[in-house]
Amino acid sequence: MAQEDNNAAAEQNQQPGFSIEKIYVKDASLEIPNAPQIFTDRTQPQIGIELGNFAQMLEEGVFEVAIKVTVTSKIEDKTVFLVEVTQAGIFQIRNVPEENLEMIAGITCPNILFPYARETVSDLVVRAGFQPVLLNPINFEALFAQQKQQQAEQATPAATH
């Protein structure tokens, strides 16, 4: 019986596993460089959004994945506000083939983190006295494919004439 338990435990240790250990705001900043005058300008600002993500192994099978969202609001050349949020999570990803590991860290984990980052951005903007900024959903699968394509193009030396 003990031998069967050991075999079952060994088999279970080889099973692919994924779990969320912790989700947290790693960094958040808000700047309103032209306050208080900017609050009197009624011009509709232009919103710019930048997004990046990264992952690092903390220990075997445990990874920190983070997405960084930067939202810039401008009226002509004047910055209304600048919000940067880095939303992170610690994920257990075990017994997954290497090629799948990159996809999980680049697609699955950012998909889990994005709603938290979206809420934090909106909350900071509202607390700053502005209308909420609701970020549209992001297709991390398309972003991942685009990053892979760019990496492949950079790795291929340019043809000489």
Protein backbone atom coordinates (compact mmCIF):
# COMPACT_ATOMS: atom_id res chain seq x y z
CA MET A 1 0.00 0.00 0.00
CA ALA A 2 2.81 2.44 0.88
CA GLN A 3 4.45 1.68 -2.49
CA GLU A 4 1.20 2.60 -4.30
CA ASP A 5 1.01 5.88 -2.36
CA ASN A 6 4.61 6.71 -3.33
CA ASN A 7 3.87 5.95 -6.99
CA ALA A 8 0.74 8.13 -6.88
CA ALA A 9 2.69 10.97 -5.25
CA ALA A 10 5.49 10.67 -7.81
CA GLU A 11 2.95 10.73 -10.65
CA GLN A 12 1.21 13.76 -9.17
CA ASN A 13 4.57 15.59 -8.90
CA GLN A 14 5.00 15.11 -12.65
CA GLN A 15 1.57 16.51 -13.53
CA PRO A 16 1.53 19.97 -15.10
CA GLY A 17 0.43 22.52 -12.54
CA PHE A 18 -0.57 26.18 -12.54
CA SER A 19 -1.63 28.28 -9.58
CA ILE A 20 -1.74 31.92 -8.52
CA GLU A 21 0.27 32.46 -5.35
CA LYS A 22 -0.09 36.25 -5.01
CA ILE A 23 -1.32 39.25 -7.00
CA TYR A 24 -0.06 42.69 -6.01
CA VAL A 25 0.68 46.23 -7.16
CA LYS A 26 4.46 46.32 -7.49
CA ASP A 27 4.67 50.00 -8.38
CA ALA A 28 2.22 52.86 -8.92
CA SER A 29 2.82 56.51 -9.63
CA LEU A 30 0.69 59.49 -10.50
CA GLU A 31 1.92 62.85 -11.74
CA ILE A 32 -0.12 65.99 -12.42
CA PRO A 33 2.67 68.38 -13.44
CA ASN A 34 0.38 71.26 -14.47
CA ALA A 35 -1.95 71.25 -11.45
CA PRO A 36 -3.90 73.24 -10.45
CA GLN A 37 -4.18 75.22 -13.72
CA ILE A 38 -4.87 72.09 -15.78
CA PHE A 39 -8.19 71.63 -13.94
CA THR A 40 -9.54 74.85 -15.48
CA ASP A 41 -8.82 73.76 -19.08
CA ARG A 42 -11.99 72.28 -20.58
CA THR A 43 -10.33 70.96 -23.75
CA GLN A 44 -10.77 67.22 -24.29
CA PRO A 45 -7.40 65.58 -23.59
CA GLN A 46 -5.76 62.93 -25.74
CA ILE A 47 -5.00 59.65 -23.98
CA GLY A 48 -1.94 57.56 -24.81
CA ILE A 49 -1.38 54.07 -23.45
CA GLU A 50 1.81 52.01 -23.35
CA LEU A 51 1.96 48.43 -22.19
CA GLY A 52 4.80 46.08 -21.41
CA ASN A 53 5.19 42.79 -19.62
CA PHE A 54 8.01 40.73 -18.22
CA ALA A 55 8.61 37.53 -16.29
CA GLN A 56 11.37 36.17 -14.10
CA MET A 57 11.94 32.86 -12.38
CA LEU A 58 12.04 33.22 -8.59
CA GLU A 59 12.78 29.56 -7.94
CA GLU A 60 12.17 26.29 -9.73
CA GLY A 61 8.55 26.36 -10.97
CA VAL A 62 7.77 29.76 -9.39
CA PHE A 63 7.66 32.92 -11.49
CA GLU A 64 6.94 36.59 -11.05
CA VAL A 65 5.06 38.00 -14.03
CA ALA A 66 4.31 41.73 -14.25
CA ILE A 67 2.61 44.08 -16.65
CA LYS A 68 3.42 47.77 -16.73
CA VAL A 69 0.73 50.16 -17.95
CA THR A 70 1.55 53.81 -18.63
CA VAL A 71 -1.34 56.17 -19.33
CA THR A 72 -0.53 59.70 -20.47
CA SER A 73 -3.21 62.36 -20.85
CA LYS A 74 -2.27 65.51 -22.79
CA ILE A 75 -3.86 68.69 -24.02
CA GLU A 76 -1.67 69.77 -26.93
CA ASP A 77 1.85 69.74 -25.46
CA LYS A 78 0.76 69.99 -21.80
CA THR A 79 0.60 66.84 -19.71
CA VAL A 80 -2.69 66.59 -17.84
CA PHE A 81 -1.64 63.48 -15.92
CA LEU A 82 0.72 60.54 -16.14
CA VAL A 83 -0.13 57.25 -14.43
CA GLU A 84 2.20 54.26 -14.29
CA VAL A 85 1.12 50.98 -12.72
CA THR A 86 3.10 47.77 -12.51
CA GLN A 87 0.75 44.95 -11.59
CA ALA A 88 2.51 41.74 -10.68
CA GLY A 89 1.78 38.22 -9.62
CA ILE A 90 3.61 35.19 -8.36
CA PHE A 91 2.59 32.07 -10.22
CA GLN A 92 3.47 28.43 -9.76
CA ILE A 93 4.00 26.85 -13.15
CA ARG A 94 5.27 23.29 -12.81
CA ASN A 95 6.09 20.44 -15.17
CA VAL A 96 5.23 22.39 -18.30
CA PRO A 97 7.31 22.02 -21.50
CA GLU A 98 9.67 24.97 -22.07
CA GLU A 99 7.85 26.14 -25.22
CA ASN A 100 4.55 26.30 -23.29
CA LEU A 101 6.13 28.04 -20.30
CA GLU A 102 6.87 31.14 -22.38
CA MET A 103 3.27 31.27 -23.63
CA ILE A 104 1.85 30.92 -20.11
CA ALA A 105 4.11 33.73 -18.82
CA GLY A 106 3.43 35.90 -21.89
CA ILE A 107 -0.30 35.31 -22.41
CA THR A 108 -2.08 33.51 -19.55
CA CYS A 109 -0.52 35.41 -16.64
CA PRO A 110 -0.90 38.91 -18.20
CA ASN A 111 -4.56 38.06 -18.95
CA ILE A 112 -5.04 37.34 -15.25
CA LEU A 113 -3.19 40.51 -14.15
CA PHE A 114 -4.74 42.97 -16.60
CA PRO A 115 -8.13 43.47 -14.86
CA TYR A 116 -6.27 44.36 -11.64
CA ALA A 117 -4.03 46.85 -13.47
CA ARG A 118 -7.07 48.31 -15.22
CA GLU A 119 -8.82 48.87 -11.87
CA THR A 120 -5.71 50.43 -10.29
CA VAL A 121 -5.25 52.86 -13.21
CA SER A 122 -8.90 53.90 -13.11
CA ASP A 123 -8.83 54.32 -9.32
CA LEU A 124 -5.69 56.51 -9.41
CA VAL A 125 -7.10 58.71 -12.17
CA VAL A 126 -10.41 59.20 -10.32
CA ARG A 127 -8.61 59.95 -7.04
CA ALA A 128 -6.59 62.56 -8.92
CA GLY A 129 -9.83 64.36 -9.79
CA PHE A 130 -10.26 63.28 -13.41
CA GLN A 131 -12.82 61.22 -15.30
CA PRO A 132 -12.03 57.49 -15.09
CA VAL A 133 -9.86 55.94 -17.77
CA LEU A 134 -11.22 52.52 -18.65
CA LEU A 135 -8.61 50.53 -20.53
CA ASN A 136 -9.97 48.38 -23.33
CA PRO A 137 -9.25 44.65 -23.14
CA ILE A 138 -5.85 43.67 -24.49
CA ASN A 139 -5.22 40.69 -26.75
CA PHE A 140 -2.06 39.35 -25.10
CA GLU A 141 -1.96 36.46 -27.56
CA ALA A 142 -1.57 38.91 -30.47
CA LEU A 143 1.02 40.93 -28.52
CA PHE A 144 2.96 37.75 -27.76
CA ALA A 145 2.92 36.73 -31.44
CA GLN A 146 4.05 40.22 -32.44
CA GLN A 147 6.94 40.14 -29.93
CA LYS A 148 8.00 36.71 -31.22
CA GLN A 149 7.94 37.97 -34.80
CA GLN A 150 10.04 41.03 -33.88
CA GLN A 151 12.54 38.81 -32.04
CA ALA A 152 12.79 36.51 -35.07
CA GLU A 153 13.34 39.48 -37.40
CA GLN A 154 16.06 40.90 -35.12
CA ALA A 155 17.77 37.51 -34.89
CA THR A 156 17.90 37.18 -38.69
CA PRO A 157 20.86 39.13 -40.07
CA ALA A 158 19.94 41.61 -42.76
CA ALA A 159 20.66 40.41 -46.30
CA THR A 160 23.50 42.31 -47.95
CA HIS A 161 23.41 43.39 -51.55
